Amino acid sequence: WTVRETWLSAHPTANHAVDVTDTFD
């Protein structure tokens, strides 16, 4: 199986942000 896209958490740099205001609670 080939994974099309990988997101890295806690990377030294970031290139994408997700607005989580509405899911913060």
PDB file of all heavy atoms in Angstrom:
ATOM      1  N   TRP A   1       0.847  -1.193   0.000  1.00  0.00           N
ATOM      2  CA  TRP A   1       0.000   0.000   0.000  1.00  0.00           C
ATOM      3  C   TRP A   1       0.883   1.245   0.000  1.00  0.00           C
ATOM      4  O   TRP A   1       1.870   1.314   0.721  1.00  0.00           O
ATOM      5  CB  TRP A   1      -0.903   0.027   1.226  1.00  0.00           C
ATOM      6  CG  TRP A   1      -1.784   1.250   1.271  1.00  0.00           C
ATOM      7  CD1 TRP A   1      -1.615   2.364   2.038  1.00  0.00           C
ATOM      8  CD2 TRP A   1      -2.958   1.473   0.490  1.00  0.00           C
ATOM      9  NE1 TRP A   1      -2.610   3.275   1.792  1.00  0.00           N
ATOM     10  CE2 TRP A   1      -3.455   2.757   0.843  1.00  0.00           C
ATOM     11  CE3 TRP A   1      -3.635   0.733  -0.478  1.00  0.00           C
ATOM     12  CZ2 TRP A   1      -4.604   3.296   0.259  1.00  0.00           C
ATOM     13  CZ3 TRP A   1      -4.772   1.271  -1.060  1.00  0.00           C
ATOM     14  CH2 TRP A   1      -5.242   2.536  -0.691  1.00  0.00           C
ATOM     15  N   THR A   2       0.503   2.225  -0.822  1.00  0.00           N
ATOM     16  CA  THR A   2       1.223   3.491  -0.908  1.00  0.00           C
ATOM     17  C   THR A   2       0.420   4.589  -0.230  1.00  0.00           C
ATOM     18  O   THR A   2      -0.739   4.825  -0.587  1.00  0.00           O
ATOM     19  CB  THR A   2       1.491   3.866  -2.378  1.00  0.00           C
ATOM     20  OG1 THR A   2       2.323   2.867  -2.974  1.00  0.00           O
ATOM     21  CG2 THR A   2       2.168   5.228  -2.478  1.00  0.00           C
ATOM     22  N   VAL A   3       1.024   5.256   0.726  1.00  0.00           N
ATOM     23  CA  VAL A   3       0.413   6.391   1.418  1.00  0.00           C
ATOM     24  C   VAL A   3       0.677   7.648   0.588  1.00  0.00           C
ATOM     25  O   VAL A   3       1.834   7.994   0.316  1.00  0.00           O
ATOM     26  CB  VAL A   3       1.009   6.558   2.837  1.00  0.00           C
ATOM     27  CG1 VAL A   3       0.400   7.766   3.540  1.00  0.00           C
ATOM     28  CG2 VAL A   3       0.798   5.286   3.645  1.00  0.00           C
ATOM     29  N   ARG A   4      -0.383   8.346   0.191  1.00  0.00           N
ATOM     30  CA  ARG A   4      -0.224   9.474  -0.722  1.00  0.00           C
ATOM     31  C   ARG A   4       0.391  10.700  -0.052  1.00  0.00           C
ATOM     32  O   ARG A   4       1.121  11.463  -0.689  1.00  0.00           O
ATOM     33  CB  ARG A   4      -1.584   9.854  -1.318  1.00  0.00           C
ATOM     34  CG  ARG A   4      -2.215   8.789  -2.195  1.00  0.00           C
ATOM     35  CD  ARG A   4      -3.576   9.249  -2.708  1.00  0.00           C
ATOM     36  NE  ARG A   4      -3.457  10.448  -3.548  1.00  0.00           N
ATOM     37  CZ  ARG A   4      -4.500  11.177  -3.939  1.00  0.00           C
ATOM     38  NH1 ARG A   4      -5.732  10.852  -3.550  1.00  0.00           N
ATOM     39  NH2 ARG A   4      -4.322  12.246  -4.699  1.00  0.00           N
ATOM     40  N   GLU A   5       0.070  10.916   1.228  1.00  0.00           N
ATOM     41  CA  GLU A   5       0.461  12.169   1.874  1.00  0.00           C
ATOM     42  C   GLU A   5       0.775  11.909   3.337  1.00  0.00           C
ATOM     43  O   GLU A   5       0.070  11.169   4.016  1.00  0.00           O
ATOM     44  CB  GLU A   5      -0.702  13.156   1.752  1.00  0.00           C
ATOM     45  CG  GLU A   5      -0.472  14.527   2.354  1.00  0.00           C
ATOM     46  CD  GLU A   5      -1.687  15.414   2.143  1.00  0.00           C
ATOM     47  OE1 GLU A   5      -2.656  15.295   2.936  1.00  0.00           O
ATOM     48  OE2 GLU A   5      -1.696  16.204   1.183  1.00  0.00           O
ATOM     49  N   THR A   6       1.846  12.540   3.837  1.00  0.00           N
ATOM     50  CA  THR A   6       2.250  12.370   5.237  1.00  0.00           C
ATOM     51  C   THR A   6       2.377  13.729   5.912  1.00  0.00           C
ATOM     52  O   THR A   6       3.016  14.641   5.380  1.00  0.00           O
ATOM     53  CB  THR A   6       3.570  11.596   5.334  1.00  0.00           C
ATOM     54  OG1 THR A   6       3.404  10.306   4.725  1.00  0.00           O
ATOM     55  CG2 THR A   6       3.983  11.419   6.789  1.00  0.00           C
ATOM     56  N   TRP A   7       1.761  13.820   7.091  1.00  0.00           N
ATOM     57  CA  TRP A   7       1.841  15.031   7.917  1.00  0.00           C
ATOM     58  C   TRP A   7       2.762  14.732   9.093  1.00  0.00           C
ATOM     59  O   TRP A   7       2.589  13.729   9.786  1.00  0.00           O
ATOM     60  CB  TRP A   7       0.466  15.423   8.439  1.00  0.00           C
ATOM     61  CG  TRP A   7      -0.543  15.840   7.406  1.00  0.00           C
ATOM     62  CD1 TRP A   7      -0.673  15.369   6.137  1.00  0.00           C
ATOM     63  CD2 TRP A   7      -1.580  16.807   7.583  1.00  0.00           C
ATOM     64  NE1 TRP A   7      -1.721  15.970   5.500  1.00  0.00           N
ATOM     65  CE2 TRP A   7      -2.304  16.860   6.374  1.00  0.00           C
ATOM     66  CE3 TRP A   7      -1.967  17.614   8.648  1.00  0.00           C
ATOM     67  CZ2 TRP A   7      -3.402  17.707   6.209  1.00  0.00           C
ATOM     68  CZ3 TRP A   7      -3.054  18.445   8.481  1.00  0.00           C
ATOM     69  CH2 TRP A   7      -3.756  18.498   7.266  1.00  0.00           C
ATOM     70  N   LEU A   8       3.730  15.616   9.329  1.00  0.00           N
ATOM     71  CA  LEU A   8       4.644  15.476  10.459  1.00  0.00           C
ATOM     72  C   LEU A   8       4.233  16.452  11.557  1.00  0.00           C
ATOM     73  O   LEU A   8       4.064  17.647  11.311  1.00  0.00           O
ATOM     74  CB  LEU A   8       6.084  15.766  10.036  1.00  0.00           C
ATOM     75  CG  LEU A   8       6.646  14.959   8.866  1.00  0.00           C
ATOM     76  CD1 LEU A   8       8.070  15.391   8.568  1.00  0.00           C
ATOM     77  CD2 LEU A   8       6.589  13.480   9.145  1.00  0.00           C
ATOM     78  N   SER A   9       4.100  15.916  12.770  1.00  0.00           N
ATOM     79  CA  SER A   9       3.789  16.737  13.936  1.00  0.00           C
ATOM     80  C   SER A   9       5.068  17.036  14.706  1.00  0.00           C
ATOM     81  O   SER A   9       5.962  16.200  14.771  1.00  0.00           O
ATOM     82  CB  SER A   9       2.792  15.997  14.832  1.00  0.00           C
ATOM     83  OG  SER A   9       2.447  16.770  15.959  1.00  0.00           O
ATOM     84  N   ALA A  10       5.146  18.226  15.299  1.00  0.00           N
ATOM     85  CA  ALA A  10       6.309  18.654  16.096  1.00  0.00           C
ATOM     86  C   ALA A  10       7.583  18.716  15.258  1.00  0.00           C
ATOM     87  O   ALA A  10       8.677  18.469  15.761  1.00  0.00           O
ATOM     88  CB  ALA A  10       6.506  17.768  17.319  1.00  0.00           C
ATOM     89  N   HIS A  11       7.451  19.062  13.988  1.00  0.00           N
ATOM     90  CA  HIS A  11       8.611  19.262  13.123  1.00  0.00           C
ATOM     91  C   HIS A  11       9.250  20.616  13.446  1.00  0.00           C
ATOM     92  O   HIS A  11       8.554  21.540  13.894  1.00  0.00           O
ATOM     93  CB  HIS A  11       8.162  19.218  11.654  1.00  0.00           C
ATOM     94  CG  HIS A  11       9.274  19.137  10.670  1.00  0.00           C
ATOM     95  ND1 HIS A  11       9.868  20.252  10.130  1.00  0.00           N
ATOM     96  CD2 HIS A  11       9.913  18.073  10.119  1.00  0.00           C
ATOM     97  CE1 HIS A  11      10.813  19.882   9.285  1.00  0.00           C
ATOM     98  NE2 HIS A  11      10.864  18.573   9.267  1.00  0.00           N
ATOM     99  N   PRO A  12      10.559  20.777  13.242  1.00  0.00           N
ATOM    100  CA  PRO A  12      11.189  22.067  13.526  1.00  0.00           C
ATOM    101  C   PRO A  12      10.610  23.231  12.730  1.00  0.00           C
ATOM    102  O   PRO A  12      10.673  24.380  13.162  1.00  0.00           O
ATOM    103  CB  PRO A  12      12.662  21.836  13.155  1.00  0.00           C
ATOM    104  CG  PRO A  12      12.848  20.362  13.260  1.00  0.00           C
ATOM    105  CD  PRO A  12      11.544  19.749  12.870  1.00  0.00           C
ATOM    106  N   THR A  13      10.057  22.945  11.548  1.00  0.00           N
ATOM    107  CA  THR A  13       9.389  23.974  10.759  1.00  0.00           C
ATOM    108  C   THR A  13       7.995  23.477  10.403  1.00  0.00           C
ATOM    109  O   THR A  13       7.708  22.284  10.476  1.00  0.00           O
ATOM    110  CB  THR A  13      10.160  24.287   9.466  1.00  0.00           C
ATOM    111  OG1 THR A  13      10.246  23.091   8.670  1.00  0.00           O
ATOM    112  CG2 THR A  13      11.559  24.787   9.777  1.00  0.00           C
ATOM    113  N   ALA A  14       7.132  24.398  10.018  1.00  0.00           N
ATOM    114  CA  ALA A  14       5.768  24.028   9.630  1.00  0.00           C
ATOM    115  C   ALA A  14       5.454  24.672   8.290  1.00  0.00           C
ATOM    116  O   ALA A  14       5.887  25.787   8.001  1.00  0.00           O
ATOM    117  CB  ALA A  14       4.770  24.488  10.686  1.00  0.00           C
ATOM    118  N   ASN A  15       4.702  23.950   7.464  1.00  0.00           N
ATOM    119  CA  ASN A  15       4.271  24.518   6.191  1.00  0.00           C
ATOM    120  C   ASN A  15       2.761  24.445   6.000  1.00  0.00           C
ATOM    121  O   ASN A  15       2.255  24.734   4.928  1.00  0.00           O
ATOM    122  CB  ASN A  15       5.000  23.856   5.009  1.00  0.00           C
ATOM    123  CG  ASN A  15       4.723  22.352   4.913  1.00  0.00           C
ATOM    124  OD1 ASN A  15       3.900  21.801   5.635  1.00  0.00           O
ATOM    125  ND2 ASN A  15       5.439  21.687   4.013  1.00  0.00           N
ATOM    126  N   HIS A  16       2.059  24.062   7.084  1.00  0.00           N
ATOM    127  CA  HIS A  16       0.598  23.978   6.980  1.00  0.00           C
ATOM    128  C   HIS A  16      -0.002  24.137   8.371  1.00  0.00           C
ATOM    129  O   HIS A  16       0.504  23.566   9.348  1.00  0.00           O
ATOM    130  CB  HIS A  16       0.179  22.627   6.388  1.00  0.00           C
ATOM    131  CG  HIS A  16      -1.303  22.486   6.209  1.00  0.00           C
ATOM    132  ND1 HIS A  16      -2.040  23.306   5.384  1.00  0.00           N
ATOM    133  CD2 HIS A  16      -2.198  21.608   6.764  1.00  0.00           C
ATOM    134  CE1 HIS A  16      -3.314  22.939   5.418  1.00  0.00           C
ATOM    135  NE2 HIS A  16      -3.425  21.929   6.249  1.00  0.00           N
ATOM    136  N   ALA A  17      -1.068  24.928   8.463  1.00  0.00           N
ATOM    137  CA  ALA A  17      -1.788  25.124   9.724  1.00  0.00           C
ATOM    138  C   ALA A  17      -3.253  24.743   9.540  1.00  0.00           C
ATOM    139  O   ALA A  17      -3.830  24.950   8.469  1.00  0.00           O
ATOM    140  CB  ALA A  17      -1.686  26.580  10.177  1.00  0.00           C
ATOM    141  N   VAL A  18      -3.823  24.187  10.591  1.00  0.00           N
ATOM    142  CA  VAL A  18      -5.246  23.840  10.609  1.00  0.00           C
ATOM    143  C   VAL A  18      -5.914  24.675  11.690  1.00  0.00           C
ATOM    144  O   VAL A  18      -5.487  24.652  12.848  1.00  0.00           O
ATOM    145  CB  VAL A  18      -5.451  22.340  10.882  1.00  0.00           C
ATOM    146  CG1 VAL A  18      -6.939  22.017  10.991  1.00  0.00           C
ATOM    147  CG2 VAL A  18      -4.797  21.503   9.792  1.00  0.00           C
ATOM    148  N   ASP A  19      -6.947  25.411  11.310  1.00  0.00           N
ATOM    149  CA  ASP A  19      -7.713  26.211  12.267  1.00  0.00           C
ATOM    150  C   ASP A  19      -8.567  25.265  13.103  1.00  0.00           C
ATOM    151  O   ASP A  19      -9.463  24.601  12.585  1.00  0.00           O
ATOM    152  CB  ASP A  19      -8.597  27.208  11.513  1.00  0.00           C
ATOM    153  CG  ASP A  19      -9.286  28.202  12.434  1.00  0.00           C
ATOM    154  OD1 ASP A  19      -9.633  27.829  13.579  1.00  0.00           O
ATOM    155  OD2 ASP A  19      -9.513  29.348  12.006  1.00  0.00           O
ATOM    156  N   VAL A  20      -8.271  25.201  14.398  1.00  0.00           N
ATOM    157  CA  VAL A  20      -8.984  24.275  15.285  1.00  0.00           C
ATOM    158  C   VAL A  20      -9.802  25.026  16.336  1.00  0.00           C
ATOM    159  O   VAL A  20     -10.176  24.456  17.359  1.00  0.00           O
ATOM    160  CB  VAL A  20      -8.008  23.287  15.970  1.00  0.00           C
ATOM    161  CG1 VAL A  20      -7.308  22.428  14.932  1.00  0.00           C
ATOM    162  CG2 VAL A  20      -6.984  24.020  16.835  1.00  0.00           C
ATOM    163  N   THR A  21     -10.112  26.284  16.047  1.00  0.00           N
ATOM    164  CA  THR A  21     -10.887  27.079  17.000  1.00  0.00           C
ATOM    165  C   THR A  21     -12.202  26.386  17.348  1.00  0.00           C
ATOM    166  O   THR A  21     -12.585  26.318  18.531  1.00  0.00           O
ATOM    167  CB  THR A  21     -11.163  28.476  16.421  1.00  0.00           C
ATOM    168  OG1 THR A  21      -9.939  29.045  15.912  1.00  0.00           O
ATOM    169  CG2 THR A  21     -11.747  29.393  17.482  1.00  0.00           C
ATOM    170  N   ASP A  22     -12.872  25.862  16.332  1.00  0.00           N
ATOM    171  CA  ASP A  22     -14.198  25.278  16.548  1.00  0.00           C
ATOM    172  C   ASP A  22     -14.143  23.880  17.149  1.00  0.00           C
ATOM    173  O   ASP A  22     -15.181  23.355  17.577  1.00  0.00           O
ATOM    174  CB  ASP A  22     -14.976  25.242  15.229  1.00  0.00           C
ATOM    175  CG  ASP A  22     -15.265  26.642  14.694  1.00  0.00           C
ATOM    176  OD1 ASP A  22     -15.249  27.604  15.504  1.00  0.00           O
ATOM    177  OD2 ASP A  22     -15.481  26.786  13.474  1.00  0.00           O
ATOM    178  N   THR A  23     -12.987  23.269  17.178  1.00  0.00           N
ATOM    179  CA  THR A  23     -12.857  21.931  17.775  1.00  0.00           C
ATOM    180  C   THR A  23     -11.992  21.954  19.034  1.00  0.00           C
ATOM    181  O   THR A  23     -11.659  20.903  19.570  1.00  0.00           O
ATOM    182  CB  THR A  23     -12.267  20.927  16.761  1.00  0.00           C
ATOM    183  OG1 THR A  23     -11.015  21.419  16.272  1.00  0.00           O
ATOM    184  CG2 THR A  23     -13.220  20.708  15.591  1.00  0.00           C
ATOM    185  N   PHE A  24     -11.655  23.150  19.507  1.00  0.00           N
ATOM    186  CA  PHE A  24     -10.773  23.271  20.664  1.00  0.00           C
ATOM    187  C   PHE A  24     -11.366  22.615  21.908  1.00  0.00           C
ATOM    188  O   PHE A  24     -10.652  21.951  22.675  1.00  0.00           O
ATOM    189  CB  PHE A  24     -10.461  24.738  20.948  1.00  0.00           C
ATOM    190  CG  PHE A  24      -9.596  24.952  22.161  1.00  0.00           C
ATOM    191  CD1 PHE A  24      -8.245  24.641  22.130  1.00  0.00           C
ATOM    192  CD2 PHE A  24     -10.131  25.444  23.339  1.00  0.00           C
ATOM    193  CE1 PHE A  24      -7.436  24.825  23.246  1.00  0.00           C
ATOM    194  CE2 PHE A  24      -9.332  25.638  24.459  1.00  0.00           C
ATOM    195  CZ  PHE A  24      -7.982  25.330  24.414  1.00  0.00           C
ATOM    196  N   ASP A  25     -12.658  22.786  22.131  1.00  0.00           N
ATOM    197  CA  ASP A  25     -13.269  22.195  23.331  1.00  0.00           C
ATOM    198  C   ASP A  25     -13.145  20.674  23.323  1.00  0.00           C
ATOM    199  O   ASP A  25     -12.928  20.054  24.374  1.00  0.00           O
ATOM    200  CB  ASP A  25     -14.736  22.601  23.433  1.00  0.00           C
ATOM    201  CG  ASP A  25     -14.912  24.068  23.820  1.00  0.00           C
ATOM    202  OD1 ASP A  25     -13.918  24.695  24.229  1.00  0.00           O
ATOM    203  OD2 ASP A  25     -16.041  24.581  23.680  1.00  0.00           O
TER     204      ASP A  25
END
